[in-house]
PDB file of all heavy atoms in Angstrom:
ATOM      1  N   LEU A   1      12.491  -0.953  -0.732  1.00  0.00           N
ATOM      2  CA  LEU A   1      11.740  -0.735  -1.971  1.00  0.00           C
ATOM      3  C   LEU A   1      11.248   0.706  -1.992  1.00  0.00           C
ATOM      4  O   LEU A   1      10.591   1.155  -1.045  1.00  0.00           O
ATOM      5  CB  LEU A   1      10.551  -1.702  -2.047  1.00  0.00           C
ATOM      6  CG  LEU A   1       9.698  -1.617  -3.314  1.00  0.00           C
ATOM      7  CD1 LEU A   1      10.519  -1.984  -4.549  1.00  0.00           C
ATOM      8  CD2 LEU A   1       8.482  -2.533  -3.191  1.00  0.00           C
ATOM      9  N   LYS A   2      11.567   1.421  -3.046  1.00  0.00           N
ATOM     10  CA  LYS A   2      11.169   2.816  -3.164  1.00  0.00           C
ATOM     11  C   LYS A   2       9.728   2.909  -3.666  1.00  0.00           C
ATOM     12  O   LYS A   2       9.379   2.357  -4.709  1.00  0.00           O
ATOM     13  CB  LYS A   2      12.095   3.563  -4.119  1.00  0.00           C
ATOM     14  CG  LYS A   2      13.354   4.106  -3.478  1.00  0.00           C
ATOM     15  CD  LYS A   2      14.011   5.136  -4.392  1.00  0.00           C
ATOM     16  CE  LYS A   2      15.005   5.973  -3.600  1.00  0.00           C
ATOM     17  NZ  LYS A   2      15.526   7.073  -4.449  1.00  0.00           N
ATOM     18  N   VAL A   3       8.916   3.624  -2.922  1.00  0.00           N
ATOM     19  CA  VAL A   3       7.522   3.850  -3.296  1.00  0.00           C
ATOM     20  C   VAL A   3       7.240   5.333  -3.090  1.00  0.00           C
ATOM     21  O   VAL A   3       7.584   5.896  -2.041  1.00  0.00           O
ATOM     22  CB  VAL A   3       6.561   2.991  -2.448  1.00  0.00           C
ATOM     23  CG1 VAL A   3       5.110   3.282  -2.825  1.00  0.00           C
ATOM     24  CG2 VAL A   3       6.860   1.507  -2.629  1.00  0.00           C
ATOM     25  N   SER A   4       6.618   5.971  -4.046  1.00  0.00           N
ATOM     26  CA  SER A   4       6.405   7.413  -3.968  1.00  0.00           C
ATOM     27  C   SER A   4       5.327   7.768  -2.948  1.00  0.00           C
ATOM     28  O   SER A   4       4.446   6.958  -2.636  1.00  0.00           O
ATOM     29  CB  SER A   4       6.003   7.965  -5.338  1.00  0.00           C
ATOM     30  OG  SER A   4       4.688   7.567  -5.661  1.00  0.00           O
ATOM     31  N   GLU A   5       5.411   8.986  -2.441  1.00  0.00           N
ATOM     32  CA  GLU A   5       4.407   9.492  -1.504  1.00  0.00           C
ATOM     33  C   GLU A   5       3.028   9.487  -2.152  1.00  0.00           C
ATOM     34  O   GLU A   5       2.026   9.171  -1.500  1.00  0.00           O
ATOM     35  CB  GLU A   5       4.781  10.912  -1.073  1.00  0.00           C
ATOM     36  CG  GLU A   5       3.868  11.509  -0.017  1.00  0.00           C
ATOM     37  CD  GLU A   5       4.177  11.008   1.388  1.00  0.00           C
ATOM     38  OE1 GLU A   5       5.255  10.402   1.574  1.00  0.00           O
ATOM     39  OE2 GLU A   5       3.344  11.213   2.288  1.00  0.00           O
ATOM     40  N   LYS A   6       2.973   9.813  -3.428  1.00  0.00           N
ATOM     41  CA  LYS A   6       1.692   9.846  -4.145  1.00  0.00           C
ATOM     42  C   LYS A   6       1.041   8.463  -4.154  1.00  0.00           C
ATOM     43  O   LYS A   6      -0.177   8.327  -3.937  1.00  0.00           O
ATOM     44  CB  LYS A   6       1.917  10.317  -5.575  1.00  0.00           C
ATOM     45  CG  LYS A   6       0.661  10.357  -6.449  1.00  0.00           C
ATOM     46  CD  LYS A   6       0.985  10.913  -7.824  1.00  0.00           C
ATOM     47  CE  LYS A   6      -0.248  10.938  -8.720  1.00  0.00           C
ATOM     48  NZ  LYS A   6      -0.703   9.578  -9.057  1.00  0.00           N
ATOM     49  N   GLU A   7       1.837   7.434  -4.370  1.00  0.00           N
ATOM     50  CA  GLU A   7       1.297   6.076  -4.382  1.00  0.00           C
ATOM     51  C   GLU A   7       0.796   5.677  -2.997  1.00  0.00           C
ATOM     52  O   GLU A   7      -0.268   5.063  -2.865  1.00  0.00           O
ATOM     53  CB  GLU A   7       2.370   5.096  -4.866  1.00  0.00           C
ATOM     54  CG  GLU A   7       2.698   5.242  -6.347  1.00  0.00           C
ATOM     55  CD  GLU A   7       3.837   4.355  -6.786  1.00  0.00           C
ATOM     56  OE1 GLU A   7       4.605   3.886  -5.912  1.00  0.00           O
ATOM     57  OE2 GLU A   7       3.973   4.134  -7.999  1.00  0.00           O
ATOM     58  N   LEU A   8       1.560   6.045  -1.965  1.00  0.00           N
ATOM     59  CA  LEU A   8       1.151   5.707  -0.607  1.00  0.00           C
ATOM     60  C   LEU A   8      -0.170   6.374  -0.250  1.00  0.00           C
ATOM     61  O   LEU A   8      -1.053   5.748   0.365  1.00  0.00           O
ATOM     62  CB  LEU A   8       2.231   6.118   0.393  1.00  0.00           C
ATOM     63  CG  LEU A   8       3.588   5.417   0.275  1.00  0.00           C
ATOM     64  CD1 LEU A   8       4.528   5.916   1.356  1.00  0.00           C
ATOM     65  CD2 LEU A   8       3.429   3.912   0.361  1.00  0.00           C
ATOM     66  N   VAL A   9      -0.331   7.612  -0.629  1.00  0.00           N
ATOM     67  CA  VAL A   9      -1.577   8.337  -0.349  1.00  0.00           C
ATOM     68  C   VAL A   9      -2.740   7.670  -1.072  1.00  0.00           C
ATOM     69  O   VAL A   9      -3.838   7.515  -0.508  1.00  0.00           O
ATOM     70  CB  VAL A   9      -1.443   9.812  -0.754  1.00  0.00           C
ATOM     71  CG1 VAL A   9      -2.805  10.515  -0.693  1.00  0.00           C
ATOM     72  CG2 VAL A   9      -0.450  10.527   0.161  1.00  0.00           C
ATOM     73  N   GLU A  10      -2.526   7.251  -2.307  1.00  0.00           N
ATOM     74  CA  GLU A  10      -3.578   6.578  -3.070  1.00  0.00           C
ATOM     75  C   GLU A  10      -4.001   5.269  -2.394  1.00  0.00           C
ATOM     76  O   GLU A  10      -5.188   4.925  -2.358  1.00  0.00           O
ATOM     77  CB  GLU A  10      -3.100   6.295  -4.492  1.00  0.00           C
ATOM     78  CG  GLU A  10      -3.027   7.529  -5.377  1.00  0.00           C
ATOM     79  CD  GLU A  10      -2.554   7.200  -6.779  1.00  0.00           C
ATOM     80  OE1 GLU A  10      -2.241   6.014  -7.039  1.00  0.00           O
ATOM     81  OE2 GLU A  10      -2.495   8.118  -7.611  1.00  0.00           O
ATOM     82  N   VAL A  11      -3.022   4.556  -1.848  1.00  0.00           N
ATOM     83  CA  VAL A  11      -3.324   3.293  -1.162  1.00  0.00           C
ATOM     84  C   VAL A  11      -4.181   3.553   0.072  1.00  0.00           C
ATOM     85  O   VAL A  11      -5.193   2.880   0.308  1.00  0.00           O
ATOM     86  CB  VAL A  11      -2.027   2.562  -0.765  1.00  0.00           C
ATOM     87  CG1 VAL A  11      -2.340   1.350   0.109  1.00  0.00           C
ATOM     88  CG2 VAL A  11      -1.263   2.129  -1.999  1.00  0.00           C
ATOM     89  N   VAL A  12      -3.792   4.539   0.861  1.00  0.00           N
ATOM     90  CA  VAL A  12      -4.525   4.838   2.088  1.00  0.00           C
ATOM     91  C   VAL A  12      -5.932   5.330   1.767  1.00  0.00           C
ATOM     92  O   VAL A  12      -6.902   4.984   2.458  1.00  0.00           O
ATOM     93  CB  VAL A  12      -3.757   5.868   2.942  1.00  0.00           C
ATOM     94  CG1 VAL A  12      -4.579   6.291   4.158  1.00  0.00           C
ATOM     95  CG2 VAL A  12      -2.423   5.273   3.394  1.00  0.00           C
ATOM     96  N   GLU A  13      -6.079   6.118   0.725  1.00  0.00           N
ATOM     97  CA  GLU A  13      -7.411   6.586   0.333  1.00  0.00           C
ATOM     98  C   GLU A  13      -8.298   5.427  -0.116  1.00  0.00           C
ATOM     99  O   GLU A  13      -9.502   5.420   0.137  1.00  0.00           O
ATOM    100  CB  GLU A  13      -7.287   7.620  -0.787  1.00  0.00           C
ATOM    101  CG  GLU A  13      -6.738   8.963  -0.322  1.00  0.00           C
ATOM    102  CD  GLU A  13      -6.563   9.940  -1.473  1.00  0.00           C
ATOM    103  OE1 GLU A  13      -6.692   9.503  -2.636  1.00  0.00           O
ATOM    104  OE2 GLU A  13      -6.297  11.131  -1.203  1.00  0.00           O
ATOM    105  N   ALA A  14      -7.697   4.431  -0.758  1.00  0.00           N
ATOM    106  CA  ALA A  14      -8.475   3.303  -1.277  1.00  0.00           C
ATOM    107  C   ALA A  14      -8.757   2.244  -0.218  1.00  0.00           C
ATOM    108  O   ALA A  14      -9.842   1.652  -0.193  1.00  0.00           O
ATOM    109  CB  ALA A  14      -7.741   2.658  -2.445  1.00  0.00           C
ATOM    110  N   LEU A  15      -7.795   2.006   0.674  1.00  0.00           N
ATOM    111  CA  LEU A  15      -7.908   0.910   1.636  1.00  0.00           C
ATOM    112  C   LEU A  15      -8.137   1.383   3.060  1.00  0.00           C
ATOM    113  O   LEU A  15      -8.322   0.559   3.967  1.00  0.00           O
ATOM    114  CB  LEU A  15      -6.647   0.031   1.587  1.00  0.00           C
ATOM    115  CG  LEU A  15      -6.287  -0.539   0.212  1.00  0.00           C
ATOM    116  CD1 LEU A  15      -5.005  -1.351   0.299  1.00  0.00           C
ATOM    117  CD2 LEU A  15      -7.426  -1.388  -0.345  1.00  0.00           C
ATOM    118  N   ASP A  16      -8.096   2.707   3.265  1.00  0.00           N
ATOM    119  CA  ASP A  16      -8.311   3.313   4.576  1.00  0.00           C
ATOM    120  C   ASP A  16      -7.264   2.784   5.561  1.00  0.00           C
ATOM    121  O   ASP A  16      -6.127   2.547   5.183  1.00  0.00           O
ATOM    122  CB  ASP A  16      -9.735   3.036   5.051  1.00  0.00           C
ATOM    123  CG  ASP A  16     -10.234   4.087   6.031  1.00  0.00           C
ATOM    124  OD1 ASP A  16      -9.486   5.040   6.318  1.00  0.00           O
ATOM    125  OD2 ASP A  16     -11.375   3.974   6.492  1.00  0.00           O
ATOM    126  N   GLY A  17      -7.644   2.596   6.827  1.00  0.00           N
ATOM    127  CA  GLY A  17      -6.669   2.210   7.841  1.00  0.00           C
ATOM    128  C   GLY A  17      -6.773   0.764   8.264  1.00  0.00           C
ATOM    129  O   GLY A  17      -6.465   0.423   9.419  1.00  0.00           O
ATOM    130  N   VAL A  18      -7.181  -0.102   7.359  1.00  0.00           N
ATOM    131  CA  VAL A  18      -7.334  -1.524   7.695  1.00  0.00           C
ATOM    132  C   VAL A  18      -5.981  -2.218   7.562  1.00  0.00           C
ATOM    133  O   VAL A  18      -5.474  -2.391   6.447  1.00  0.00           O
ATOM    134  CB  VAL A  18      -8.368  -2.200   6.775  1.00  0.00           C
ATOM    135  CG1 VAL A  18      -8.591  -3.648   7.210  1.00  0.00           C
ATOM    136  CG2 VAL A  18      -9.686  -1.424   6.775  1.00  0.00           C
ATOM    137  N   PRO A  19      -5.361  -2.623   8.673  1.00  0.00           N
ATOM    138  CA  PRO A  19      -4.018  -3.207   8.605  1.00  0.00           C
ATOM    139  C   PRO A  19      -3.909  -4.390   7.652  1.00  0.00           C
ATOM    140  O   PRO A  19      -2.912  -4.536   6.953  1.00  0.00           O
ATOM    141  CB  PRO A  19      -3.749  -3.628  10.056  1.00  0.00           C
ATOM    142  CG  PRO A  19      -4.572  -2.691  10.873  1.00  0.00           C
ATOM    143  CD  PRO A  19      -5.816  -2.463  10.074  1.00  0.00           C
ATOM    144  N   GLY A  20      -4.934  -5.235   7.606  1.00  0.00           N
ATOM    145  CA  GLY A  20      -4.863  -6.408   6.745  1.00  0.00           C
ATOM    146  C   GLY A  20      -4.756  -6.077   5.274  1.00  0.00           C
ATOM    147  O   GLY A  20      -3.966  -6.681   4.548  1.00  0.00           O
ATOM    148  N   TRP A  21      -5.528  -5.090   4.817  1.00  0.00           N
ATOM    149  CA  TRP A  21      -5.476  -4.714   3.400  1.00  0.00           C
ATOM    150  C   TRP A  21      -4.175  -3.990   3.073  1.00  0.00           C
ATOM    151  O   TRP A  21      -3.580  -4.219   2.016  1.00  0.00           O
ATOM    152  CB  TRP A  21      -6.658  -3.824   3.029  1.00  0.00           C
ATOM    153  CG  TRP A  21      -8.023  -4.368   3.319  1.00  0.00           C
ATOM    154  CD1 TRP A  21      -9.118  -3.655   3.726  1.00  0.00           C
ATOM    155  CD2 TRP A  21      -8.484  -5.728   3.211  1.00  0.00           C
ATOM    156  NE1 TRP A  21     -10.209  -4.470   3.882  1.00  0.00           N
ATOM    157  CE2 TRP A  21      -9.845  -5.748   3.566  1.00  0.00           C
ATOM    158  CE3 TRP A  21      -7.864  -6.924   2.843  1.00  0.00           C
ATOM    159  CZ2 TRP A  21     -10.601  -6.918   3.579  1.00  0.00           C
ATOM    160  CZ3 TRP A  21      -8.616  -8.104   2.858  1.00  0.00           C
ATOM    161  CH2 TRP A  21      -9.954  -8.082   3.218  1.00  0.00           C
ATOM    162  N   LEU A  22      -3.731  -3.111   3.962  1.00  0.00           N
ATOM    163  CA  LEU A  22      -2.468  -2.391   3.729  1.00  0.00           C
ATOM    164  C   LEU A  22      -1.304  -3.380   3.635  1.00  0.00           C
ATOM    165  O   LEU A  22      -0.429  -3.247   2.771  1.00  0.00           O
ATOM    166  CB  LEU A  22      -2.220  -1.392   4.858  1.00  0.00           C
ATOM    167  CG  LEU A  22      -3.241  -0.266   5.008  1.00  0.00           C
ATOM    168  CD1 LEU A  22      -2.957   0.545   6.267  1.00  0.00           C
ATOM    169  CD2 LEU A  22      -3.258   0.637   3.786  1.00  0.00           C
ATOM    170  N   SER A  23      -1.318  -4.361   4.520  1.00  0.00           N
ATOM    171  CA  SER A  23      -0.249  -5.363   4.530  1.00  0.00           C
ATOM    172  C   SER A  23      -0.264  -6.180   3.241  1.00  0.00           C
ATOM    173  O   SER A  23       0.793  -6.490   2.673  1.00  0.00           O
ATOM    174  CB  SER A  23      -0.416  -6.275   5.741  1.00  0.00           C
ATOM    175  OG  SER A  23       0.588  -7.254   5.785  1.00  0.00           O
ATOM    176  N   TYR A  24      -1.452  -6.509   2.756  1.00  0.00           N
ATOM    177  CA  TYR A  24      -1.536  -7.321   1.539  1.00  0.00           C
ATOM    178  C   TYR A  24      -1.055  -6.531   0.321  1.00  0.00           C
ATOM    179  O   TYR A  24      -0.372  -7.077  -0.549  1.00  0.00           O
ATOM    180  CB  TYR A  24      -2.974  -7.793   1.333  1.00  0.00           C
ATOM    181  CG  TYR A  24      -3.112  -8.791   0.199  1.00  0.00           C
ATOM    182  CD1 TYR A  24      -2.361  -9.958   0.191  1.00  0.00           C
ATOM    183  CD2 TYR A  24      -3.994  -8.561  -0.858  1.00  0.00           C
ATOM    184  CE1 TYR A  24      -2.470 -10.871  -0.849  1.00  0.00           C
ATOM    185  CE2 TYR A  24      -4.106  -9.469  -1.899  1.00  0.00           C
ATOM    186  CZ  TYR A  24      -3.348 -10.627  -1.887  1.00  0.00           C
ATOM    187  OH  TYR A  24      -3.449 -11.523  -2.919  1.00  0.00           O
ATOM    188  N   TYR A  25      -1.393  -5.242   0.264  1.00  0.00           N
ATOM    189  CA  TYR A  25      -0.869  -4.400  -0.811  1.00  0.00           C
ATOM    190  C   TYR A  25       0.664  -4.395  -0.772  1.00  0.00           C
ATOM    191  O   TYR A  25       1.324  -4.562  -1.806  1.00  0.00           O
ATOM    192  CB  TYR A  25      -1.385  -2.965  -0.679  1.00  0.00           C
ATOM    193  CG  TYR A  25      -0.622  -1.977  -1.532  1.00  0.00           C
ATOM    194  CD1 TYR A  25      -0.926  -1.801  -2.879  1.00  0.00           C
ATOM    195  CD2 TYR A  25       0.429  -1.224  -0.990  1.00  0.00           C
ATOM    196  CE1 TYR A  25      -0.212  -0.913  -3.671  1.00  0.00           C
ATOM    197  CE2 TYR A  25       1.147  -0.331  -1.776  1.00  0.00           C
ATOM    198  CZ  TYR A  25       0.826  -0.185  -3.115  1.00  0.00           C
ATOM    199  OH  TYR A  25       1.547   0.693  -3.888  1.00  0.00           O
ATOM    200  N   GLY A  26       1.244  -4.217   0.410  1.00  0.00           N
ATOM    201  CA  GLY A  26       2.699  -4.217   0.534  1.00  0.00           C
ATOM    202  C   GLY A  26       3.303  -5.532   0.096  1.00  0.00           C
ATOM    203  O   GLY A  26       4.343  -5.564  -0.587  1.00  0.00           O
ATOM    204  N   PHE A  27       2.661  -6.634   0.458  1.00  0.00           N
ATOM    205  CA  PHE A  27       3.144  -7.952   0.048  1.00  0.00           C
ATOM    206  C   PHE A  27       3.178  -8.069  -1.472  1.00  0.00           C
ATOM    207  O   PHE A  27       4.152  -8.572  -2.056  1.00  0.00           O
ATOM    208  CB  PHE A  27       2.243  -9.031   0.650  1.00  0.00           C
ATOM    209  CG  PHE A  27       2.431 -10.395   0.062  1.00  0.00           C
ATOM    210  CD1 PHE A  27       3.528 -11.173   0.403  1.00  0.00           C
ATOM    211  CD2 PHE A  27       1.520 -10.904  -0.849  1.00  0.00           C
ATOM    212  CE1 PHE A  27       3.711 -12.438  -0.149  1.00  0.00           C
ATOM    213  CE2 PHE A  27       1.690 -12.162  -1.408  1.00  0.00           C
ATOM    214  CZ  PHE A  27       2.791 -12.924  -1.052  1.00  0.00           C
ATOM    215  N   LEU A  28       2.126  -7.588  -2.133  1.00  0.00           N
ATOM    216  CA  LEU A  28       2.065  -7.676  -3.595  1.00  0.00           C
ATOM    217  C   LEU A  28       3.150  -6.824  -4.252  1.00  0.00           C
ATOM    218  O   LEU A  28       3.744  -7.236  -5.258  1.00  0.00           O
ATOM    219  CB  LEU A  28       0.680  -7.245  -4.080  1.00  0.00           C
ATOM    220  CG  LEU A  28      -0.478  -8.168  -3.673  1.00  0.00           C
ATOM    221  CD1 LEU A  28      -1.815  -7.537  -4.044  1.00  0.00           C
ATOM    222  CD2 LEU A  28      -0.344  -9.538  -4.323  1.00  0.00           C
ATOM    223  N   ARG A  29       3.435  -5.646  -3.684  1.00  0.00           N
ATOM    224  CA  ARG A  29       4.509  -4.813  -4.233  1.00  0.00           C
ATOM    225  C   ARG A  29       5.853  -5.496  -4.086  1.00  0.00           C
ATOM    226  O   ARG A  29       6.693  -5.465  -4.997  1.00  0.00           O
ATOM    227  CB  ARG A  29       4.536  -3.443  -3.536  1.00  0.00           C
ATOM    228  CG  ARG A  29       3.374  -2.521  -3.838  1.00  0.00           C
ATOM    229  CD  ARG A  29       3.257  -2.188  -5.322  1.00  0.00           C
ATOM    230  NE  ARG A  29       4.476  -1.667  -5.922  1.00  0.00           N
ATOM    231  CZ  ARG A  29       4.814  -0.375  -5.951  1.00  0.00           C
ATOM    232  NH1 ARG A  29       4.008   0.524  -5.405  1.00  0.00           N
ATOM    233  NH2 ARG A  29       5.917   0.014  -6.549  1.00  0.00           N
ATOM    234  N   VAL A  30       6.055  -6.121  -2.930  1.00  0.00           N
ATOM    235  CA  VAL A  30       7.318  -6.831  -2.695  1.00  0.00           C
ATOM    236  C   VAL A  30       7.475  -7.995  -3.676  1.00  0.00           C
ATOM    237  O   VAL A  30       8.595  -8.340  -4.083  1.00  0.00           O
ATOM    238  CB  VAL A  30       7.389  -7.331  -1.235  1.00  0.00           C
ATOM    239  CG1 VAL A  30       8.590  -8.250  -1.026  1.00  0.00           C
ATOM    240  CG2 VAL A  30       7.457  -6.158  -0.268  1.00  0.00           C
ATOM    241  N   GLN A  31       6.348  -8.577  -4.091  1.00  0.00           N
ATOM    242  CA  GLN A  31       6.392  -9.676  -5.063  1.00  0.00           C
ATOM    243  C   GLN A  31       6.664  -9.196  -6.484  1.00  0.00           C
ATOM    244  O   GLN A  31       6.814 -10.009  -7.394  1.00  0.00           O
ATOM    245  CB  GLN A  31       5.072 -10.445  -5.030  1.00  0.00           C
ATOM    246  CG  GLN A  31       4.752 -11.083  -3.699  1.00  0.00           C
ATOM    247  CD  GLN A  31       5.866 -11.983  -3.202  1.00  0.00           C
ATOM    248  OE1 GLN A  31       6.251 -12.923  -3.887  1.00  0.00           O
ATOM    249  NE2 GLN A  31       6.387 -11.692  -2.033  1.00  0.00           N
ATOM    250  N   GLY A  32       6.719  -7.867  -6.695  1.00  0.00           N
ATOM    251  CA  GLY A  32       7.081  -7.341  -8.007  1.00  0.00           C
ATOM    252  C   GLY A  32       5.971  -6.679  -8.784  1.00  0.00           C
ATOM    253  O   GLY A  32       6.193  -6.197  -9.901  1.00  0.00           O
TER     254      GLY A  32
END
């Protein structure tokens, strides 16, 4: 799944380094 660098940076700024939140964001993107 293609995701832009800008989007990834926004996610990290919003969710910091918490593996659980990062994983859940990824799951939602995979769901469409």
